[in-house]
Amino acid sequence: MRDLLANIAWHALTGAHAKFAAGSGDARRYAPGFSPIVGFADPARPDFAALARSCDPGERFYCIDGPAPGLASWSVDLESTMFQMVWQGAAPAGDACPDAVPLGPEHAEQALALASVTRPGPFGPRTIELGEYFGCFEGPRLLAMAGERMTAGSLREISGVCTHPDAQGRGLARRLMLKLLARQLQRGETPFLHVMRDNASAIGLYERMGFTVHREPVIRVVSLR
């Protein structure tokens, strides 16, 4: 598990999510429309020149670990660290959110609109195709969602967790997460997630739920000039 987590993007893009990937050699990316995340065979020596052949100028990507591009054709737009957290808690009892609606391609516009307001991390119009996604609605309005993104071996990432500002304080995101956790554990999977190190409220929630910090990788947002 540790080896997979140490380079989770590469293992996802060359494994279970290869059908959603673009690129070749030692560099891969999620195809346009999915989450703008890249992976390298060796994060310590990322081949940004190879990656550029699968990208368009102006595209922005999230890179986990490794050095900055060091090429004039790439710029670094953001650099920080995040926590990679792994589930260590007890299995949730029952379905914490039985009224949640499975999100499909017909909900892509609503999911993208919610993500644009709440900024849960790298998100594209087809991100909800990467795994199970569930949402809480009020009439036709999507108020909260949570789903699955990267996967490798038995590891399954919980991602896209967000609640519209108008609906915060109701526990919707927590209930959606518990629903996903229960489903993943029933499948014999190990849930994990990523959260920016300065998001203290989310980190506290995840720790209370049963996640523990596994490591603190560097996260960069880079763009092709």
Protein backbone atom coordinates (compact mmCIF):
# COMPACT_ATOMS: atom_id res chain seq x y z
CA MET A 1 0.00 0.00 0.00
CA ARG A 2 2.80 2.44 0.90
CA ASP A 3 4.45 2.01 -2.51
CA LEU A 4 1.19 2.72 -4.29
CA LEU A 5 0.40 5.77 -2.16
CA ALA A 6 3.89 7.16 -2.74
CA ASN A 7 3.05 7.56 -6.45
CA ILE A 8 -0.70 7.15 -6.54
CA ALA A 9 -1.35 9.30 -9.63
CA TRP A 10 1.01 7.24 -11.80
CA HIS A 11 -0.38 3.93 -10.56
CA ALA A 12 -3.95 5.09 -11.19
CA LEU A 13 -3.19 6.47 -14.66
CA THR A 14 -1.33 3.35 -15.78
CA GLY A 15 -3.65 0.92 -14.00
CA ALA A 16 -7.38 1.06 -13.36
CA HIS A 17 -7.71 4.50 -14.95
CA ALA A 18 -5.53 3.88 -18.01
CA LYS A 19 -8.65 4.20 -20.16
CA PHE A 20 -9.06 7.77 -18.90
CA ALA A 21 -5.39 8.69 -19.43
CA ALA A 22 -3.37 10.39 -22.14
CA GLY A 23 0.38 10.42 -22.66
CA SER A 24 3.12 7.86 -23.18
CA GLY A 25 6.51 6.83 -21.88
CA ASP A 26 7.15 8.01 -18.34
CA ALA A 27 4.48 10.74 -18.27
CA ARG A 28 0.69 10.47 -18.07
CA ARG A 29 -2.21 12.81 -17.49
CA TYR A 30 -5.94 12.44 -17.14
CA ALA A 31 -7.49 13.12 -20.53
CA PRO A 32 -9.13 16.50 -21.15
CA GLY A 33 -12.42 16.81 -19.28
CA PHE A 34 -11.31 14.73 -16.30
CA SER A 35 -9.42 15.95 -13.24
CA PRO A 36 -6.27 17.81 -14.40
CA ILE A 37 -3.79 15.56 -12.57
CA VAL A 38 -0.51 14.21 -13.93
CA GLY A 39 1.69 11.30 -12.94
CA PHE A 40 5.29 10.32 -13.66
CA ALA A 41 6.98 6.94 -13.53
CA ASP A 42 9.67 8.51 -11.33
CA PRO A 43 8.37 11.57 -9.43
CA ALA A 44 11.94 12.48 -8.48
CA ARG A 45 12.76 12.91 -12.20
CA PRO A 46 9.51 14.04 -13.83
CA ASP A 47 9.61 14.11 -17.64
CA PHE A 48 7.77 17.37 -18.34
CA ALA A 49 9.08 17.43 -21.90
CA ALA A 50 7.26 14.18 -22.62
CA LEU A 51 4.17 15.42 -20.79
CA ALA A 52 4.04 18.54 -22.97
CA ARG A 53 3.39 16.40 -26.04
CA SER A 54 -0.01 15.47 -24.58
CA CYS A 55 -0.97 18.98 -23.44
CA ASP A 56 -2.17 22.23 -24.95
CA PRO A 57 -0.77 25.66 -24.09
CA GLY A 58 -2.64 27.20 -21.18
CA GLU A 59 -3.64 23.90 -19.58
CA ARG A 60 -3.02 23.71 -15.83
CA PHE A 61 -2.22 20.50 -13.95
CA TYR A 62 -1.73 19.28 -10.40
CA CYS A 63 1.52 17.43 -9.69
CA ILE A 64 2.18 15.47 -6.51
CA ASP A 65 5.78 15.40 -5.24
CA GLY A 66 8.98 15.80 -7.25
CA PRO A 67 10.88 18.93 -8.34
CA ALA A 68 9.43 21.84 -10.28
CA PRO A 69 9.49 21.54 -14.10
CA GLY A 70 12.67 23.57 -14.64
CA LEU A 71 11.72 24.19 -18.29
CA ALA A 72 10.92 27.53 -19.88
CA SER A 73 7.83 25.98 -21.45
CA TRP A 74 6.28 25.33 -18.01
CA SER A 75 5.37 27.73 -15.22
CA VAL A 76 4.62 27.01 -11.56
CA ASP A 77 1.38 28.72 -10.55
CA LEU A 78 1.08 27.37 -7.01
CA GLU A 79 3.25 25.37 -4.61
CA SER A 80 2.21 24.05 -1.22
CA THR A 81 1.86 20.79 0.68
CA MET A 82 -1.11 18.62 1.47
CA PHE A 83 -1.88 15.73 3.76
CA GLN A 84 -2.45 12.27 2.37
CA MET A 85 -4.79 10.61 4.87
CA VAL A 86 -5.72 6.92 5.12
CA TRP A 87 -8.77 5.42 6.81
CA GLN A 88 -8.07 3.69 10.12
CA GLY A 89 -11.52 3.83 11.70
CA ALA A 90 -14.30 1.35 12.28
CA ALA A 91 -16.77 0.58 9.52
CA PRO A 92 -19.76 2.96 9.51
CA ALA A 93 -23.02 1.38 10.60
CA GLY A 94 -25.65 1.31 7.87
CA ASP A 95 -26.24 3.89 5.14
CA ALA A 96 -25.66 7.38 6.52
CA CYS A 97 -27.26 9.05 3.51
CA PRO A 98 -30.00 6.85 1.99
CA ASP A 99 -31.57 9.81 0.20
CA ALA A 100 -28.40 10.60 -1.77
CA VAL A 101 -28.71 10.51 -5.55
CA PRO A 102 -26.09 8.70 -7.68
CA LEU A 103 -24.55 11.27 -10.00
CA GLY A 104 -24.15 10.45 -13.67
CA PRO A 105 -23.28 12.29 -16.88
CA GLU A 106 -26.67 14.01 -16.76
CA HIS A 107 -25.52 15.75 -13.55
CA ALA A 108 -22.13 16.87 -14.89
CA GLU A 109 -23.11 20.50 -15.36
CA GLN A 110 -24.53 20.75 -11.83
CA ALA A 111 -21.50 19.02 -10.31
CA LEU A 112 -19.09 21.31 -12.15
CA ALA A 113 -21.07 24.39 -11.07
CA LEU A 114 -20.92 23.28 -7.42
CA ALA A 115 -17.19 22.58 -7.69
CA SER A 116 -16.57 26.01 -9.22
CA VAL A 117 -18.19 27.64 -6.17
CA THR A 118 -16.64 25.44 -3.48
CA ARG A 119 -13.24 24.55 -5.06
CA PRO A 120 -12.82 21.02 -3.65
CA GLY A 121 -9.67 20.44 -5.75
CA PRO A 122 -8.94 19.57 -9.38
CA PHE A 123 -12.31 18.91 -10.99
CA GLY A 124 -13.50 18.63 -14.57
CA PRO A 125 -16.84 18.05 -16.31
CA ARG A 126 -16.13 14.29 -16.54
CA THR A 127 -14.60 13.79 -13.08
CA ILE A 128 -17.77 12.11 -11.82
CA GLU A 129 -17.10 9.26 -14.28
CA LEU A 130 -13.97 8.21 -12.36
CA GLY A 131 -15.92 6.40 -9.64
CA GLU A 132 -19.10 6.50 -7.63
CA TYR A 133 -20.43 9.98 -6.95
CA PHE A 134 -23.42 10.87 -4.80
CA GLY A 135 -25.19 14.16 -4.27
CA CYS A 136 -27.79 15.76 -2.04
CA PHE A 137 -30.43 17.79 -3.84
CA GLU A 138 -33.02 20.33 -2.82
CA GLY A 139 -35.43 20.19 -5.70
CA PRO A 140 -33.29 20.45 -8.85
CA ARG A 141 -30.43 22.13 -6.98
CA LEU A 142 -27.30 20.15 -6.07
CA LEU A 143 -26.31 21.20 -2.55
CA ALA A 144 -23.52 18.74 -1.70
CA MET A 145 -21.56 15.92 -3.28
CA ALA A 146 -18.77 13.46 -2.63
CA GLY A 147 -17.22 10.80 -4.79
CA GLU A 148 -14.24 8.71 -5.79
CA ARG A 149 -11.23 9.66 -7.88
CA MET A 150 -7.86 7.87 -8.01
CA THR A 151 -7.57 4.13 -7.39
CA ALA A 152 -4.78 1.57 -7.38
CA GLY A 153 -4.76 -1.93 -5.93
CA SER A 154 -7.23 -1.91 -3.04
CA LEU A 155 -6.82 1.85 -2.50
CA ARG A 156 -9.78 4.10 -3.30
CA GLU A 157 -9.67 7.87 -2.99
CA ILE A 158 -12.58 9.90 -1.63
CA SER A 159 -12.65 13.24 -3.41
CA GLY A 160 -14.81 16.10 -4.60
CA VAL A 161 -16.28 16.53 -1.12
CA CYS A 162 -18.09 19.86 -1.02
CA THR A 163 -21.20 21.67 0.19
CA HIS A 164 -22.70 24.84 -1.22
CA PRO A 165 -22.29 27.78 1.21
CA ASP A 166 -26.08 28.04 1.46
CA ALA A 167 -26.31 24.48 2.85
CA GLN A 168 -23.36 24.31 5.22
CA GLY A 169 -23.90 23.17 8.79
CA ARG A 170 -26.31 20.37 7.92
CA GLY A 171 -23.71 17.58 7.90
CA LEU A 172 -24.40 16.72 4.27
CA ALA A 173 -20.77 16.20 3.23
CA ARG A 174 -20.05 14.03 6.27
CA ARG A 175 -23.08 11.84 5.56
CA LEU A 176 -22.06 11.44 1.92
CA MET A 177 -18.53 10.49 2.96
CA LEU A 178 -19.83 7.90 5.41
CA LYS A 179 -21.97 6.42 2.64
CA LEU A 180 -18.92 6.10 0.40
CA LEU A 181 -16.75 4.73 3.21
CA ALA A 182 -19.26 1.99 3.96
CA ARG A 183 -19.48 1.00 0.29
CA GLN A 184 -15.68 0.95 -0.13
CA LEU A 185 -15.11 -1.10 3.01
CA GLN A 186 -17.76 -3.59 1.92
CA ARG A 187 -15.78 -4.02 -1.31
CA GLY A 188 -12.59 -4.67 0.66
CA GLU A 189 -11.04 -1.34 -0.33
CA THR A 190 -8.89 1.04 1.74
CA PRO A 191 -10.23 4.61 1.63
CA PHE A 192 -7.81 7.53 1.46
CA LEU A 193 -8.01 11.21 0.63
CA HIS A 194 -5.98 14.37 0.09
CA VAL A 195 -6.50 17.68 1.86
CA MET A 196 -4.50 20.92 1.76
CA ARG A 197 -2.44 21.41 4.91
CA ASP A 198 -4.04 24.80 5.69
CA ASN A 199 -7.61 23.42 5.62
CA ALA A 200 -7.73 22.89 9.39
CA SER A 201 -11.50 22.42 9.63
CA ALA A 202 -11.54 19.64 7.03
CA ILE A 203 -8.50 17.94 8.57
CA GLY A 204 -10.18 17.96 11.97
CA LEU A 205 -13.36 16.47 10.52
CA TYR A 206 -11.47 13.72 8.71
CA GLU A 207 -9.48 12.84 11.83
CA ARG A 208 -12.66 12.61 13.91
CA MET A 209 -14.17 10.35 11.26
CA GLY A 210 -11.24 7.92 11.40
CA PHE A 211 -8.61 9.12 8.91
CA THR A 212 -4.98 9.50 9.94
CA VAL A 213 -2.18 11.40 8.21
CA HIS A 214 0.02 9.08 6.15
CA ARG A 215 2.41 11.66 4.69
CA GLU A 216 2.68 15.30 3.56
CA PRO A 217 3.64 15.52 -0.12
CA VAL A 218 4.34 18.68 -2.10
CA ILE A 219 1.56 19.73 -4.43
CA ARG A 220 2.17 22.05 -7.39
CA VAL A 221 -0.09 23.56 -9.99
CA VAL A 222 1.83 23.93 -13.25
CA SER A 223 0.78 25.25 -16.64
CA LEU A 224 2.14 24.85 -20.15
CA ARG A 225 3.01 28.19 -21.74
